[in-house]
PDB file of N, CA and C in Angstrom:
ATOM      1  N   MET A   1      55.643 100.932 144.640  1.00  0.00           N
ATOM      2  CA  MET A   1      56.984 103.024 144.365  1.00  0.00           C
ATOM      3  C   MET A   1      55.375 103.630 144.014  1.00  0.00           C
ATOM      4  N   GLY A   2      55.712 105.002 143.954  1.00  0.00           N
ATOM      5  CA  GLY A   2      54.938 105.780 143.552  1.00  0.00           C
ATOM      6  C   GLY A   2      55.168 106.705 142.051  1.00  0.00           C
ATOM      7  N   ASN A   3      53.933 107.598 141.564  1.00  0.00           N
ATOM      8  CA  ASN A   3      54.894 107.764 139.911  1.00  0.00           C
ATOM      9  C   ASN A   3      55.763 108.829 139.937  1.00  0.00           C
ATOM     10  N   LEU A   4      56.467 109.111 141.149  1.00  0.00           N
ATOM     11  CA  LEU A   4      57.046 109.677 140.584  1.00  0.00           C
ATOM     12  C   LEU A   4      58.584 109.325 140.274  1.00  0.00           C
ATOM     13  N   THR A   5      58.730 107.855 141.861  1.00  0.00           N
ATOM     14  CA  THR A   5      59.886 106.774 141.246  1.00  0.00           C
ATOM     15  C   THR A   5      59.205 106.372 139.797  1.00  0.00           C
ATOM     16  N   ASP A   6      58.693 105.790 139.461  1.00  0.00           N
ATOM     17  CA  ASP A   6      58.353 104.698 138.486  1.00  0.00           C
ATOM     18  C   ASP A   6      58.917 106.124 137.003  1.00  0.00           C
ATOM     19  N   ASP A   7      57.877 107.141 137.066  1.00  0.00           N
ATOM     20  CA  ASP A   7      58.259 107.810 136.497  1.00  0.00           C
ATOM     21  C   ASP A   7      60.176 108.371 136.097  1.00  0.00           C
ATOM     22  N   MET A   8      60.658 108.493 136.956  1.00  0.00           N
ATOM     23  CA  MET A   8      61.900 108.959 137.340  1.00  0.00           C
ATOM     24  C   MET A   8      63.026 107.745 137.179  1.00  0.00           C
ATOM     25  N   THR A   9      62.929 106.412 137.543  1.00  0.00           N
ATOM     26  CA  THR A   9      62.971 104.959 136.573  1.00  0.00           C
ATOM     27  C   THR A   9      62.449 105.860 134.612  1.00  0.00           C
ATOM     28  N   ARG A  10      62.011 105.789 134.932  1.00  0.00           N
ATOM     29  CA  ARG A  10      61.493 105.625 132.644  1.00  0.00           C
ATOM     30  C   ARG A  10      62.051 106.663 132.008  1.00  0.00           C
ATOM     31  N   LEU A  11      62.815 107.918 132.895  1.00  0.00           N
ATOM     32  CA  LEU A  11      62.957 108.922 132.717  1.00  0.00           C
ATOM     33  C   LEU A  11      64.415 108.606 132.999  1.00  0.00           C
ATOM     34  N   ARG A  12      65.422 108.461 133.126  1.00  0.00           N
ATOM     35  CA  ARG A  12      66.416 107.667 133.457  1.00  0.00           C
ATOM     36  C   ARG A  12      67.037 106.483 132.996  1.00  0.00           C
ATOM     37  N   GLY A  13      66.111 105.542 132.168  1.00  0.00           N
ATOM     38  CA  GLY A  13      65.791 104.432 131.479  1.00  0.00           C
ATOM     39  C   GLY A  13      65.921 104.774 129.721  1.00  0.00           C
ATOM     40  N   GLU A  14      64.969 105.765 129.473  1.00  0.00           N
ATOM     41  CA  GLU A  14      65.195 106.711 127.985  1.00  0.00           C
ATOM     42  C   GLU A  14      66.574 107.744 127.846  1.00  0.00           C
ATOM     43  N   ILE A  15      66.809 108.344 129.033  1.00  0.00           N
ATOM     44  CA  ILE A  15      68.014 109.160 129.434  1.00  0.00           C
ATOM     45  C   ILE A  15      69.401 108.083 128.931  1.00  0.00           C
ATOM     46  N   ASP A  16      69.796 106.366 129.636  1.00  0.00           N
ATOM     47  CA  ASP A  16      70.147 105.781 129.362  1.00  0.00           C
ATOM     48  C   ASP A  16      70.755 105.274 127.319  1.00  0.00           C
ATOM     49  N   ALA A  17      69.295 105.290 127.269  1.00  0.00           N
ATOM     50  CA  ALA A  17      68.648 104.637 125.758  1.00  0.00           C
ATOM     51  C   ALA A  17      69.703 105.817 125.162  1.00  0.00           C
ATOM     52  N   LEU A  18      69.461 107.339 125.365  1.00  0.00           N
ATOM     53  CA  LEU A  18      69.352 108.617 124.133  1.00  0.00           C
ATOM     54  C   LEU A  18      70.807 108.470 124.681  1.00  0.00           C
ATOM     55  N   ARG A  19      71.422 108.363 125.286  1.00  0.00           N
ATOM     56  CA  ARG A  19      72.651 108.656 125.763  1.00  0.00           C
ATOM     57  C   ARG A  19      73.754 107.302 124.672  1.00  0.00           C
ATOM     58  N   GLY A  20      73.288 106.665 125.082  1.00  0.00           N
ATOM     59  CA  GLY A  20      74.140 104.540 124.165  1.00  0.00           C
ATOM     60  C   GLY A  20      72.839 105.444 122.228  1.00  0.00           C
ATOM     61  N   ASP A  21      72.573 105.489 122.194  1.00  0.00           N
ATOM     62  CA  ASP A  21      71.574 105.931 120.421  1.00  0.00           C
ATOM     63  C   ASP A  21      73.285 107.427 120.418  1.00  0.00           C
ATOM     64  N   ARG A  22      73.254 108.400 121.059  1.00  0.00           N
ATOM     65  CA  ARG A  22      74.405 108.589 120.385  1.00  0.00           C
ATOM     66  C   ARG A  22      75.748 108.104 120.573  1.00  0.00           C
ATOM     67  N   GLY A  23      75.802 107.848 121.526  1.00  0.00           N
ATOM     68  CA  GLY A  23      76.857 107.231 121.432  1.00  0.00           C
ATOM     69  C   GLY A  23      77.693 106.319 119.826  1.00  0.00           C
ATOM     70  N   ALA A  24      76.402 105.233 119.371  1.00  0.00           N
ATOM     71  CA  ALA A  24      76.357 105.149 118.167  1.00  0.00           C
ATOM     72  C   ALA A  24      76.679 105.728 116.933  1.00  0.00           C
ATOM     73  N   LEU A  25      75.483 107.224 117.711  1.00  0.00           N
ATOM     74  CA  LEU A  25      76.152 107.591 116.355  1.00  0.00           C
ATOM     75  C   LEU A  25      77.463 108.425 116.224  1.00  0.00           C
ATOM     76  N   MET A  26      77.446 108.716 117.676  1.00  0.00           N
ATOM     77  CA  MET A  26      79.295 109.053 116.634  1.00  0.00           C
ATOM     78  C   MET A  26      80.130 108.060 116.658  1.00  0.00           C
ATOM     79  N   GLN A  27      80.091 106.282 116.666  1.00  0.00           N
ATOM     80  CA  GLN A  27      81.355 106.376 116.315  1.00  0.00           C
ATOM     81  C   GLN A  27      80.733 105.487 114.948  1.00  0.00           C
ATOM     82  N   ASP A  28      79.442 106.125 114.395  1.00  0.00           N
ATOM     83  CA  ASP A  28      79.050 105.669 112.947  1.00  0.00           C
ATOM     84  C   ASP A  28      79.580 107.460 111.803  1.00  0.00           C
ATOM     85  N   LEU A  29      79.899 108.225 112.625  1.00  0.00           N
ATOM     86  CA  LEU A  29      80.554 109.670 111.552  1.00  0.00           C
ATOM     87  C   LEU A  29      81.457 109.449 111.976  1.00  0.00           C
ATOM     88  N   ALA A  30      82.026 108.539 113.235  1.00  0.00           N
ATOM     89  CA  ALA A  30      83.680 108.714 113.338  1.00  0.00           C
ATOM     90  C   ALA A  30      84.111 107.730 111.729  1.00  0.00           C
ATOM     91  N   ARG A  31      83.003 106.634 112.244  1.00  0.00           N
ATOM     92  CA  ARG A  31      83.658 105.621 111.174  1.00  0.00           C
ATOM     93  C   ARG A  31      83.553 105.649 109.208  1.00  0.00           C
ATOM     94  N   GLY A  32      82.625 106.920 108.910  1.00  0.00           N
ATOM     95  CA  GLY A  32      82.212 107.757 107.776  1.00  0.00           C
ATOM     96  C   GLY A  32      83.566 108.885 107.398  1.00  0.00           C
ATOM     97  N   SER A  33      83.069 109.054 108.489  1.00  0.00           N
ATOM     98  CA  SER A  33      85.003 109.907 108.466  1.00  0.00           C
ATOM     99  C   SER A  33      85.940 109.094 107.821  1.00  0.00           C
ATOM    100  N   ARG A  34      85.957 108.650 108.340  1.00  0.00           N
ATOM    101  CA  ARG A  34      87.736 107.657 108.257  1.00  0.00           C
ATOM    102  C   ARG A  34      87.264 107.056 106.562  1.00  0.00           C
ATOM    103  N   ASP A  35      86.265 106.458 106.387  1.00  0.00           N
ATOM    104  CA  ASP A  35      85.549 106.456 105.169  1.00  0.00           C
ATOM    105  C   ASP A  35      86.041 106.743 104.214  1.00  0.00           C
ATOM    106  N   LEU A  36      85.223 107.796 104.280  1.00  0.00           N
ATOM    107  CA  LEU A  36      85.752 109.386 102.671  1.00  0.00           C
ATOM    108  C   LEU A  36      86.664 109.435 103.388  1.00  0.00           C
ATOM    109  N   ALA A  37      87.303 110.221 103.835  1.00  0.00           N
ATOM    110  CA  ALA A  37      88.865 110.155 104.064  1.00  0.00           C
ATOM    111  C   ALA A  37      89.686 109.163 102.832  1.00  0.00           C
ATOM    112  N   ALA A  38      89.688 107.839 102.962  1.00  0.00           N
ATOM    113  CA  ALA A  38      90.225 106.735 102.850  1.00  0.00           C
ATOM    114  C   ALA A  38      89.816 106.690 100.744  1.00  0.00           C
ATOM    115  N   THR A  39      88.630 107.451 101.034  1.00  0.00           N
ATOM    116  CA  THR A  39      88.417 107.164  99.395  1.00  0.00           C
ATOM    117  C   THR A  39      88.533 107.910  98.698  1.00  0.00           C
ATOM    118  N   VAL A  40      88.937 109.286  99.040  1.00  0.00           N
ATOM    119  CA  VAL A  40      89.559 111.055  98.773  1.00  0.00           C
ATOM    120  C   VAL A  40      90.877 110.287  99.017  1.00  0.00           C
ATOM    121  N   SER A  41      91.258 109.960  99.409  1.00  0.00           N
ATOM    122  CA  SER A  41      92.989 109.502  99.074  1.00  0.00           C
ATOM    123  C   SER A  41      92.876 109.155  97.854  1.00  0.00           C
ATOM    124  N   ALA A  42      92.547 107.667  97.884  1.00  0.00           N
ATOM    125  CA  ALA A  42      92.271 106.725  96.532  1.00  0.00           C
ATOM    126  C   ALA A  42      92.340 107.505  95.208  1.00  0.00           C
ATOM    127  N   MET A  43      91.056 108.563  95.736  1.00  0.00           N
ATOM    128  CA  MET A  43      91.187 109.082  94.356  1.00  0.00           C
ATOM    129  C   MET A  43      91.847 110.639  93.769  1.00  0.00           C
ATOM    130  N   MET A  44      92.398 110.568  94.974  1.00  0.00           N
ATOM    131  CA  MET A  44      93.488 112.055  94.891  1.00  0.00           C
ATOM    132  C   MET A  44      94.616 111.006  93.801  1.00  0.00           C
ATOM    133  N   VAL A  45      94.992 109.448  94.877  1.00  0.00           N
ATOM    134  CA  VAL A  45      95.602 108.697  94.285  1.00  0.00           C
ATOM    135  C   VAL A  45      96.017 108.380  92.462  1.00  0.00           C
ATOM    136  N   ASP A  46      95.073 108.690  92.417  1.00  0.00           N
ATOM    137  CA  ASP A  46      93.825 107.404  91.062  1.00  0.00           C
ATOM    138  C   ASP A  46      93.983 109.307  89.705  1.00  0.00           C
ATOM    139  N   PHE A  47      94.216 109.916  90.497  1.00  0.00           N
ATOM    140  CA  PHE A  47      94.100 111.645  89.849  1.00  0.00           C
ATOM    141  C   PHE A  47      95.076 111.979  89.651  1.00  0.00           C
ATOM    142  N   ALA A  48      95.841 112.375  90.084  1.00  0.00           N
ATOM    143  CA  ALA A  48      97.427 111.826  90.552  1.00  0.00           C
ATOM    144  C   ALA A  48      98.013 111.235  88.994  1.00  0.00           C
ATOM    145  N   ALA A  49      97.938 109.555  89.433  1.00  0.00           N
ATOM    146  CA  ALA A  49      97.997 108.727  88.028  1.00  0.00           C
ATOM    147  C   ALA A  49      98.066 109.302  86.970  1.00  0.00           C
ATOM    148  N   ALA A  50      96.159 109.477  86.913  1.00  0.00           N
ATOM    149  CA  ALA A  50      95.993 109.738  85.335  1.00  0.00           C
ATOM    150  C   ALA A  50      96.467 111.276  84.611  1.00  0.00           C
ATOM    151  N   HIS A  51      96.737 112.267  85.947  1.00  0.00           N
ATOM    152  CA  HIS A  51      97.349 113.319  85.498  1.00  0.00           C
ATOM    153  C   HIS A  51      98.936 113.282  85.375  1.00  0.00           C
ATOM    154  N   ALA A  52      99.418 111.764  85.333  1.00  0.00           N
ATOM    155  CA  ALA A  52     101.084 112.078  84.780  1.00  0.00           C
ATOM    156  C   ALA A  52     101.117 111.057  83.783  1.00  0.00           C
ATOM    157  N   ALA A  53     100.100 110.355  83.338  1.00  0.00           N
ATOM    158  CA  ALA A  53      99.631 109.670  82.051  1.00  0.00           C
ATOM    159  C   ALA A  53      99.124 110.185  81.321  1.00  0.00           C
ATOM    160  N   MET A  54      98.495 111.503  81.156  1.00  0.00           N
ATOM    161  CA  MET A  54      98.315 112.438  80.699  1.00  0.00           C
ATOM    162  C   MET A  54      99.879 113.089  79.985  1.00  0.00           C
ATOM    163  N   ALA A  55     100.203 113.785  80.969  1.00  0.00           N
ATOM    164  CA  ALA A  55     101.460 114.550  80.992  1.00  0.00           C
ATOM    165  C   ALA A  55     102.252 113.434  79.921  1.00  0.00           C
ATOM    166  N   ARG A  56     102.254 112.824  80.151  1.00  0.00           N
ATOM    167  CA  ARG A  56     103.246 111.737  79.158  1.00  0.00           C
ATOM    168  C   ARG A  56     103.237 111.980  77.888  1.00  0.00           C
ATOM    169  N   LYS A  57     101.579 111.607  77.718  1.00  0.00           N
ATOM    170  CA  LYS A  57     101.143 111.325  76.388  1.00  0.00           C
ATOM    171  C   LYS A  57     101.395 112.615  75.492  1.00  0.00           C
ATOM    172  N   THR A  58     101.120 113.542  76.011  1.00  0.00           N
ATOM    173  CA  THR A  58     100.561 115.291  75.830  1.00  0.00           C
ATOM    174  C   THR A  58     102.687 115.513  75.035  1.00  0.00           C
ATOM    175  N   GLY A  59     103.235 114.986  76.289  1.00  0.00           N
ATOM    176  CA  GLY A  59     104.776 115.547  76.003  1.00  0.00           C
ATOM    177  C   GLY A  59     104.573 114.613  75.102  1.00  0.00           C
ATOM    178  N   ARG A  60     104.465 113.101  74.428  1.00  0.00           N
ATOM    179  CA  ARG A  60     105.146 112.777  73.575  1.00  0.00           C
ATOM    180  C   ARG A  60     104.256 113.173  72.183  1.00  0.00           C
ATOM    181  N   GLU A  61     102.822 113.972  72.438  1.00  0.00           N
ATOM    182  CA  GLU A  61     102.393 114.073  71.464  1.00  0.00           C
ATOM    183  C   GLU A  61     103.304 115.887  70.817  1.00  0.00           C
ATOM    184  N   ARG A  62     103.842 116.572  71.297  1.00  0.00           N
ATOM    185  CA  ARG A  62     104.110 118.048  71.512  1.00  0.00           C
ATOM    186  C   ARG A  62     105.340 117.318  71.120  1.00  0.00           C
ATOM    187  N   THR A  63     106.694 116.321  71.357  1.00  0.00           N
ATOM    188  CA  THR A  63     107.337 116.084  70.314  1.00  0.00           C
ATOM    189  C   THR A  63     107.805 115.853  69.600  1.00  0.00           C
ATOM    190  N   SER A  64     106.042 114.862  68.591  1.00  0.00           N
ATOM    191  CA  SER A  64     106.106 114.579  67.361  1.00  0.00           C
ATOM    192  C   SER A  64     105.737 115.791  66.589  1.00  0.00           C
ATOM    193  N   TYR A  65     104.810 116.234  66.834  1.00  0.00           N
ATOM    194  CA  TYR A  65     104.132 117.863  66.535  1.00  0.00           C
ATOM    195  C   TYR A  65     105.109 118.642  66.190  1.00  0.00           C
ATOM    196  N   ILE A  66     106.109 119.163  66.929  1.00  0.00           N
ATOM    197  CA  ILE A  66     107.276 120.018  66.959  1.00  0.00           C
ATOM    198  C   ILE A  66     108.782 119.304  65.994  1.00  0.00           C
ATOM    199  N   ALA A  67     108.780 118.162  65.387  1.00  0.00           N
ATOM    200  CA  ALA A  67     109.954 117.616  64.664  1.00  0.00           C
ATOM    201  C   ALA A  67     109.277 117.604  63.686  1.00  0.00           C
ATOM    202  N   LYS A  68     107.779 117.096  63.107  1.00  0.00           N
ATOM    203  CA  LYS A  68     107.255 117.237  61.964  1.00  0.00           C
ATOM    204  C   LYS A  68     106.746 118.951  62.248  1.00  0.00           C
ATOM    205  N   ILE A  69     105.944 119.659  62.838  1.00  0.00           N
ATOM    206  CA  ILE A  69     106.711 121.367  62.261  1.00  0.00           C
ATOM    207  C   ILE A  69     108.431 121.578  61.656  1.00  0.00           C
ATOM    208  N   ASN A  70     109.804 120.963  62.606  1.00  0.00           N
ATOM    209  CA  ASN A  70     110.614 121.375  62.282  1.00  0.00           C
ATOM    210  C   ASN A  70     111.374 120.976  60.484  1.00  0.00           C
ATOM    211  N   LYS A  71     110.840 119.797  60.715  1.00  0.00           N
ATOM    212  CA  LYS A  71     110.538 119.264  58.936  1.00  0.00           C
ATOM    213  C   LYS A  71     110.187 120.394  57.363  1.00  0.00           C
ATOM    214  N   GLN A  72     108.612 120.716  58.199  1.00  0.00           N
ATOM    215  CA  GLN A  72     107.718 121.202  57.281  1.00  0.00           C
ATOM    216  C   GLN A  72     108.905 122.699  56.754  1.00  0.00           C
ATOM    217  N   VAL A  73     109.283 123.268  58.051  1.00  0.00           N
ATOM    218  CA  VAL A  73     109.798 124.737  58.175  1.00  0.00           C
ATOM    219  C   VAL A  73     111.121 124.444  57.859  1.00  0.00           C
ATOM    220  N   GLY A  74     111.976 122.876  57.404  1.00  0.00           N
ATOM    221  CA  GLY A  74     113.354 122.734  57.250  1.00  0.00           C
ATOM    222  C   GLY A  74     112.924 122.732  55.260  1.00  0.00           C
ATOM    223  N   ARG A  75     112.173 121.676  55.002  1.00  0.00           N
ATOM    224  CA  ARG A  75     111.796 122.438  53.736  1.00  0.00           C
ATOM    225  C   ARG A  75     111.611 123.130  52.998  1.00  0.00           C
ATOM    226  N   MET A  76     110.211 123.992  53.656  1.00  0.00           N
ATOM    227  CA  MET A  76     110.010 125.332  53.264  1.00  0.00           C
ATOM    228  C   MET A  76     111.602 126.288  53.298  1.00  0.00           C
ATOM    229  N   ARG A  77     112.474 126.614  53.867  1.00  0.00           N
ATOM    230  CA  ARG A  77     112.499 127.173  53.653  1.00  0.00           C
ATOM    231  C   ARG A  77     114.304 126.354  52.876  1.00  0.00           C
ATOM    232  N   ARG A  78     114.817 125.851  52.111  1.00  0.00           N
ATOM    233  CA  ARG A  78     115.480 124.827  51.301  1.00  0.00           C
ATOM    234  C   ARG A  78     115.092 125.430  50.187  1.00  0.00           C
ATOM    235  N   GLU A  79     113.016 125.084  49.937  1.00  0.00           N
ATOM    236  CA  GLU A  79     112.808 125.653  48.731  1.00  0.00           C
ATOM    237  C   GLU A  79     112.550 127.455  48.521  1.00  0.00           C
ATOM    238  N   ASN A  80     112.070 127.975  49.485  1.00  0.00           N
ATOM    239  CA  ASN A  80     112.195 129.435  49.606  1.00  0.00           C
ATOM    240  C   ASN A  80     114.125 129.917  48.917  1.00  0.00           C
ATOM    241  N   ALA A  81     115.388 129.336  49.522  1.00  0.00           N
ATOM    242  CA  ALA A  81     116.353 129.502  49.436  1.00  0.00           C
ATOM    243  C   ALA A  81     116.359 128.240  47.513  1.00  0.00           C
ATOM    244  N   SER A  82     115.779 128.264  47.132  1.00  0.00           N
ATOM    245  CA  SER A  82     116.271 127.263  45.140  1.00  0.00           C
ATOM    246  C   SER A  82     115.298 128.582  44.557  1.00  0.00           C
ATOM    247  N   ASP A  83     114.371 128.732  45.363  1.00  0.00           N
ATOM    248  CA  ASP A  83     113.361 130.261  44.452  1.00  0.00           C
ATOM    249  C   ASP A  83     114.368 131.107  44.449  1.00  0.00           C
ATOM    250  N   LEU A  84     114.830 131.477  45.802  1.00  0.00           N
ATOM    251  CA  LEU A  84     115.614 133.306  46.009  1.00  0.00           C
ATOM    252  C   LEU A  84     117.271 133.050  44.450  1.00  0.00           C
ATOM    253  N   ALA A  85     117.283 131.698  45.101  1.00  0.00           N
ATOM    254  CA  ALA A  85     118.805 130.726  43.886  1.00  0.00           C
ATOM    255  C   ALA A  85     118.904 131.343  42.671  1.00  0.00           C
ATOM    256  N   GLY A  86     116.821 130.828  41.985  1.00  0.00           N
ATOM    257  CA  GLY A  86     117.080 130.746  41.150  1.00  0.00           C
ATOM    258  C   GLY A  86     116.302 132.815  40.008  1.00  0.00           C
ATOM    259  N   ALA A  87     115.952 133.097  41.459  1.00  0.00           N
ATOM    260  CA  ALA A  87     115.547 134.452  41.005  1.00  0.00           C
ATOM    261  C   ALA A  87     116.757 135.075  40.992  1.00  0.00           C
ATOM    262  N   ALA A  88     117.849 135.073  41.992  1.00  0.00           N
ATOM    263  CA  ALA A  88     119.001 135.804  41.673  1.00  0.00           C
ATOM    264  C   ALA A  88     119.572 135.496  40.817  1.00  0.00           C
ATOM    265  N   ARG A  89     119.243 134.228  40.061  1.00  0.00           N
ATOM    266  CA  ARG A  89     120.030 133.805  38.737  1.00  0.00           C
ATOM    267  C   ARG A  89     119.058 134.399  37.108  1.00  0.00           C
ATOM    268  N   ALA A  90     117.606 134.294  37.427  1.00  0.00           N
ATOM    269  CA  ALA A  90     117.683 134.891  36.438  1.00  0.00           C
ATOM    270  C   ALA A  90     117.831 136.508  36.646  1.00  0.00           C
ATOM    271  N   TRP A  91     117.530 137.065  37.006  1.00  0.00           N
ATOM    272  CA  TRP A  91     118.389 138.339  37.211  1.00  0.00           C
ATOM    273  C   TRP A  91     119.964 138.809  36.680  1.00  0.00           C
ATOM    274  N   SER A  92     120.544 138.265  37.490  1.00  0.00           N
ATOM    275  CA  SER A  92     122.123 138.473  36.505  1.00  0.00           C
ATOM    276  C   SER A  92     122.549 137.744  35.468  1.00  0.00           C
ATOM    277  N   GLY A  93     121.180 136.735  34.698  1.00  0.00           N
ATOM    278  CA  GLY A  93     121.276 136.667  33.479  1.00  0.00           C
ATOM    279  C   GLY A  93     122.410 134.847  33.291  1.00  0.00           C
ATOM    280  N   LYS A  94     122.237 134.524  34.115  1.00  0.00           N
ATOM    281  CA  LYS A  94     123.533 133.112  34.128  1.00  0.00           C
ATOM    282  C   LYS A  94     122.205 131.914  34.479  1.00  0.00           C
ATOM    283  N   SER A  95     122.519 131.222  33.371  1.00  0.00           N
ATOM    284  CA  SER A  95     121.287 130.249  33.915  1.00  0.00           C
ATOM    285  C   SER A  95     122.413 128.515  33.724  1.00  0.00           C
ATOM    286  N   LYS A  96     121.813 127.929  33.601  1.00  0.00           N
ATOM    287  CA  LYS A  96     122.970 127.012  34.718  1.00  0.00           C
ATOM    288  C   LYS A  96     122.316 125.542  33.398  1.00  0.00           C
TER     289      LYS A  96
END
């Protein structure tokens, strides 16, 4: 065979090899994309679970805090009412 035929045969082999490499690369990219999508999906599920747990915890904490504040405000109102009643008695001159 001549030089041209040899060169054409070699080029054809290189083209086939590069086409095979490109196909393998495309398969690797597709597999990587699927793996990444699965990882992100799992991460989103984990985030949702963490968010729900955090919401439950903070909800309980808020409920407890509000109950504590309600007790404190009730106590303050009773003390204030008692002080006002004592002041009213003192002003009116009545004593118990």
